[in-house]
Amino acid sequence: MTDPFPSTGGGGIMIHDYDPVVANGACTTNFRAVEPNGTAYRNVITFDAVETQGGTLCSNGKWRSADGSASGTTRFRVFIKDGVKRGSAQ
């Protein structure tokens, strides 16, 4: 995964500091969503974690803002294997 990468929500928003960790059946990470004008929003996301193909697929992501003012879901998925993290909006 590159840092930053484009948000699946569009609008020129870039996702920074995305580093999912697998624990207790979930993948979680804090991250920043940064608008083109530089405004940054701190968020946290939790995915379902499923072991597959020798790694872990993180899907069904649910995010929320750190201050609790916003929340949503994402189609973005992350596959983690041998410490390598690959992201996909497919």
N, C-alpha and C. Protein backbone atom coordinates (compact mmCIF):
# COMPACT_ATOMS: atom_id res chain seq x y z
N MET A 1 0.85 -1.18 0.00
CA MET A 1 0.00 0.00 0.00
C MET A 1 0.89 1.24 0.00
N THR A 2 0.46 2.23 -0.73
CA THR A 2 1.17 3.50 -0.73
C THR A 2 0.58 4.41 0.34
N ASP A 3 1.35 5.36 0.79
CA ASP A 3 0.88 6.31 1.78
C ASP A 3 1.30 7.70 1.31
N PRO A 4 0.35 8.54 0.95
CA PRO A 4 -1.10 8.35 1.03
C PRO A 4 -1.65 7.67 -0.21
N PHE A 5 -2.96 7.36 -0.15
CA PHE A 5 -3.66 6.82 -1.32
C PHE A 5 -5.04 7.49 -1.41
N PRO A 6 -5.64 7.50 -2.61
CA PRO A 6 -6.93 8.18 -2.79
C PRO A 6 -8.06 7.49 -2.03
N SER A 7 -8.93 8.27 -1.44
CA SER A 7 -10.11 7.76 -0.75
C SER A 7 -11.08 7.14 -1.76
N THR A 8 -11.73 6.05 -1.37
CA THR A 8 -12.76 5.46 -2.23
C THR A 8 -13.96 6.39 -2.35
N GLY A 9 -14.08 7.36 -1.45
CA GLY A 9 -15.18 8.31 -1.49
C GLY A 9 -14.99 9.44 -2.49
N GLY A 10 -13.78 9.54 -3.05
CA GLY A 10 -13.51 10.56 -4.06
C GLY A 10 -13.31 11.95 -3.48
N GLY A 11 -13.58 12.95 -4.29
CA GLY A 11 -13.46 14.34 -3.86
C GLY A 11 -12.03 14.81 -3.67
N GLY A 12 -11.06 14.05 -4.16
CA GLY A 12 -9.67 14.43 -4.01
C GLY A 12 -9.11 14.17 -2.63
N ILE A 13 -9.89 13.53 -1.77
CA ILE A 13 -9.43 13.23 -0.41
C ILE A 13 -8.38 12.13 -0.46
N MET A 14 -7.30 12.34 0.30
CA MET A 14 -6.22 11.35 0.38
C MET A 14 -6.20 10.76 1.79
N ILE A 15 -5.93 9.46 1.85
CA ILE A 15 -5.87 8.74 3.12
C ILE A 15 -4.41 8.59 3.52
N HIS A 16 -4.10 9.02 4.74
CA HIS A 16 -2.74 8.99 5.27
C HIS A 16 -2.67 8.10 6.52
N ASP A 17 -1.47 7.56 6.78
CA ASP A 17 -1.16 6.84 8.03
C ASP A 17 -1.98 5.56 8.21
N TYR A 18 -2.36 4.91 7.13
CA TYR A 18 -3.21 3.71 7.15
C TYR A 18 -2.32 2.50 7.37
N ASP A 19 -2.41 1.86 8.53
CA ASP A 19 -1.53 0.74 8.87
C ASP A 19 -2.31 -0.30 9.69
N PRO A 20 -3.20 -1.07 9.05
CA PRO A 20 -4.04 -2.02 9.78
C PRO A 20 -3.24 -3.08 10.54
N VAL A 21 -3.72 -3.39 11.73
CA VAL A 21 -3.15 -4.43 12.59
C VAL A 21 -4.24 -5.45 12.86
N VAL A 22 -3.88 -6.74 12.78
CA VAL A 22 -4.84 -7.82 13.01
C VAL A 22 -4.75 -8.29 14.46
N ALA A 23 -5.89 -8.32 15.16
CA ALA A 23 -5.95 -8.82 16.53
C ALA A 23 -7.40 -9.13 16.87
N ASN A 24 -7.61 -10.23 17.57
CA ASN A 24 -8.94 -10.59 18.07
C ASN A 24 -10.01 -10.62 16.98
N GLY A 25 -9.68 -11.16 15.81
CA GLY A 25 -10.65 -11.32 14.74
C GLY A 25 -11.01 -10.05 13.99
N ALA A 26 -10.21 -9.00 14.17
CA ALA A 26 -10.48 -7.73 13.48
C ALA A 26 -9.18 -7.10 13.01
N CYS A 27 -9.30 -6.24 12.01
CA CYS A 27 -8.19 -5.39 11.56
C CYS A 27 -8.58 -3.97 11.95
N THR A 28 -7.67 -3.25 12.58
CA THR A 28 -7.98 -1.88 12.97
C THR A 28 -6.81 -0.96 12.65
N THR A 29 -7.11 0.29 12.42
CA THR A 29 -6.08 1.32 12.29
C THR A 29 -6.68 2.71 12.49
N ASN A 30 -5.88 3.59 13.00
CA ASN A 30 -6.19 5.01 12.98
C ASN A 30 -5.68 5.54 11.64
N PHE A 31 -6.30 6.59 11.13
CA PHE A 31 -5.83 7.19 9.88
C PHE A 31 -6.33 8.62 9.78
N ARG A 32 -5.76 9.34 8.81
CA ARG A 32 -6.20 10.71 8.54
C ARG A 32 -6.77 10.77 7.13
N ALA A 33 -7.88 11.46 6.96
CA ALA A 33 -8.44 11.78 5.65
C ALA A 33 -8.15 13.27 5.43
N VAL A 34 -7.41 13.57 4.35
CA VAL A 34 -6.97 14.94 4.12
C VAL A 34 -7.58 15.48 2.83
N GLU A 35 -8.31 16.59 2.96
CA GLU A 35 -8.93 17.24 1.80
C GLU A 35 -7.86 17.94 0.96
N PRO A 36 -8.17 18.24 -0.30
CA PRO A 36 -7.20 18.95 -1.16
C PRO A 36 -6.72 20.28 -0.57
N ASN A 37 -7.56 20.94 0.25
CA ASN A 37 -7.17 22.22 0.85
C ASN A 37 -6.32 22.05 2.10
N GLY A 38 -6.04 20.78 2.49
CA GLY A 38 -5.19 20.50 3.65
C GLY A 38 -5.93 20.20 4.94
N THR A 39 -7.25 20.40 4.97
CA THR A 39 -8.02 20.07 6.16
C THR A 39 -7.93 18.57 6.42
N ALA A 40 -7.56 18.21 7.64
CA ALA A 40 -7.37 16.80 7.99
C ALA A 40 -8.41 16.36 9.02
N TYR A 41 -8.88 15.13 8.86
CA TYR A 41 -9.84 14.53 9.78
C TYR A 41 -9.24 13.25 10.32
N ARG A 42 -9.23 13.11 11.63
CA ARG A 42 -8.70 11.89 12.26
C ARG A 42 -9.83 10.88 12.41
N ASN A 43 -9.53 9.64 12.03
CA ASN A 43 -10.53 8.58 12.01
C ASN A 43 -9.95 7.27 12.52
N VAL A 44 -10.83 6.33 12.78
CA VAL A 44 -10.44 4.96 13.11
C VAL A 44 -11.33 4.03 12.30
N ILE A 45 -10.78 2.91 11.86
CA ILE A 45 -11.56 1.94 11.09
C ILE A 45 -11.35 0.55 11.67
N THR A 46 -12.42 -0.24 11.63
CA THR A 46 -12.37 -1.65 12.04
C THR A 46 -12.95 -2.48 10.91
N PHE A 47 -12.21 -3.51 10.52
CA PHE A 47 -12.63 -4.46 9.50
C PHE A 47 -12.85 -5.83 10.12
N ASP A 48 -13.68 -6.66 9.49
CA ASP A 48 -13.71 -8.08 9.80
C ASP A 48 -12.41 -8.68 9.28
N ALA A 49 -11.80 -9.59 10.03
CA ALA A 49 -10.57 -10.25 9.60
C ALA A 49 -10.85 -11.73 9.37
N VAL A 50 -10.52 -12.21 8.16
CA VAL A 50 -10.74 -13.60 7.80
C VAL A 50 -9.44 -14.16 7.23
N GLU A 51 -9.00 -15.29 7.79
CA GLU A 51 -7.80 -15.94 7.27
C GLU A 51 -8.13 -16.60 5.94
N THR A 52 -7.29 -16.34 4.92
CA THR A 52 -7.49 -16.90 3.59
C THR A 52 -6.19 -16.85 2.81
N GLN A 53 -5.94 -17.81 1.97
CA GLN A 53 -4.78 -17.86 1.09
C GLN A 53 -3.47 -17.57 1.82
N GLY A 54 -3.34 -18.07 3.04
CA GLY A 54 -2.11 -17.91 3.80
C GLY A 54 -1.93 -16.53 4.41
N GLY A 55 -2.96 -15.71 4.37
CA GLY A 55 -2.88 -14.37 4.95
C GLY A 55 -4.20 -14.00 5.59
N THR A 56 -4.44 -12.72 5.75
CA THR A 56 -5.67 -12.23 6.36
C THR A 56 -6.32 -11.20 5.45
N LEU A 57 -7.60 -11.40 5.16
CA LEU A 57 -8.38 -10.44 4.39
C LEU A 57 -9.18 -9.58 5.36
N CYS A 58 -8.98 -8.28 5.26
CA CYS A 58 -9.71 -7.31 6.08
C CYS A 58 -10.79 -6.68 5.19
N SER A 59 -12.05 -6.91 5.52
CA SER A 59 -13.15 -6.41 4.69
C SER A 59 -14.31 -5.96 5.57
N ASN A 60 -15.35 -5.43 4.94
CA ASN A 60 -16.52 -4.93 5.66
C ASN A 60 -16.13 -3.84 6.66
N GLY A 61 -15.33 -2.88 6.18
CA GLY A 61 -14.82 -1.83 7.05
C GLY A 61 -15.87 -0.84 7.52
N LYS A 62 -15.78 -0.52 8.80
CA LYS A 62 -16.65 0.49 9.41
C LYS A 62 -15.74 1.54 10.04
N TRP A 63 -15.87 2.79 9.58
CA TRP A 63 -15.03 3.85 10.11
C TRP A 63 -15.85 4.82 10.94
N ARG A 64 -15.15 5.56 11.77
CA ARG A 64 -15.78 6.64 12.53
C ARG A 64 -14.73 7.71 12.78
N SER A 65 -15.18 8.91 12.91
CA SER A 65 -14.26 10.01 13.21
C SER A 65 -13.81 9.87 14.66
N ALA A 66 -12.61 10.34 14.94
CA ALA A 66 -12.07 10.24 16.29
C ALA A 66 -12.92 11.01 17.30
N ASP A 67 -13.59 12.08 16.85
CA ASP A 67 -14.44 12.85 17.76
C ASP A 67 -15.88 12.35 17.81
N GLY A 68 -16.19 11.29 17.04
CA GLY A 68 -17.52 10.69 17.06
C GLY A 68 -18.57 11.43 16.24
N SER A 69 -18.17 12.44 15.47
CA SER A 69 -19.15 13.25 14.74
C SER A 69 -19.58 12.66 13.40
N ALA A 70 -18.87 11.64 12.91
CA ALA A 70 -19.21 11.04 11.61
C ALA A 70 -18.85 9.57 11.62
N SER A 71 -19.53 8.80 10.76
CA SER A 71 -19.23 7.37 10.64
C SER A 71 -19.72 6.88 9.29
N GLY A 72 -19.27 5.70 8.90
CA GLY A 72 -19.70 5.13 7.64
C GLY A 72 -19.05 3.80 7.37
N THR A 73 -19.21 3.32 6.17
CA THR A 73 -18.62 2.05 5.75
C THR A 73 -17.76 2.29 4.51
N THR A 74 -16.96 1.31 4.16
CA THR A 74 -16.12 1.41 2.97
C THR A 74 -16.06 0.08 2.25
N ARG A 75 -15.93 0.14 0.94
CA ARG A 75 -15.74 -1.08 0.15
C ARG A 75 -14.26 -1.45 0.09
N PHE A 76 -13.38 -0.55 0.59
CA PHE A 76 -11.95 -0.79 0.58
C PHE A 76 -11.63 -2.06 1.38
N ARG A 77 -10.71 -2.85 0.87
CA ARG A 77 -10.28 -4.08 1.56
C ARG A 77 -8.76 -4.09 1.63
N VAL A 78 -8.23 -4.80 2.61
CA VAL A 78 -6.79 -4.94 2.76
C VAL A 78 -6.48 -6.42 2.91
N PHE A 79 -5.46 -6.89 2.19
CA PHE A 79 -4.98 -8.26 2.34
C PHE A 79 -3.59 -8.18 2.94
N ILE A 80 -3.38 -8.90 4.05
CA ILE A 80 -2.10 -8.88 4.76
C ILE A 80 -1.52 -10.29 4.74
N LYS A 81 -0.28 -10.41 4.24
CA LYS A 81 0.40 -11.70 4.21
C LYS A 81 1.90 -11.46 4.38
N ASP A 82 2.49 -12.15 5.34
CA ASP A 82 3.92 -12.04 5.60
C ASP A 82 4.34 -10.58 5.80
N GLY A 83 3.51 -9.79 6.45
CA GLY A 83 3.82 -8.41 6.74
C GLY A 83 3.57 -7.43 5.61
N VAL A 84 3.23 -7.94 4.42
CA VAL A 84 2.94 -7.08 3.27
C VAL A 84 1.45 -6.78 3.24
N LYS A 85 1.11 -5.51 3.07
CA LYS A 85 -0.29 -5.08 3.06
C LYS A 85 -0.64 -4.54 1.68
N ARG A 86 -1.70 -5.11 1.11
CA ARG A 86 -2.16 -4.67 -0.21
C ARG A 86 -3.61 -4.21 -0.08
N GLY A 87 -3.90 -3.04 -0.61
CA GLY A 87 -5.24 -2.49 -0.53
C GLY A 87 -5.93 -2.53 -1.87
N SER A 88 -7.26 -2.66 -1.84
CA SER A 88 -8.05 -2.69 -3.07
C SER A 88 -9.45 -2.15 -2.81
N ALA A 89 -9.93 -1.36 -3.74
CA ALA A 89 -11.30 -0.85 -3.65
C ALA A 89 -12.27 -1.76 -4.39
N GLN A 90 -11.79 -2.87 -4.94
CA GLN A 90 -12.62 -3.81 -5.71
C GLN A 90 -13.50 -4.62 -4.80
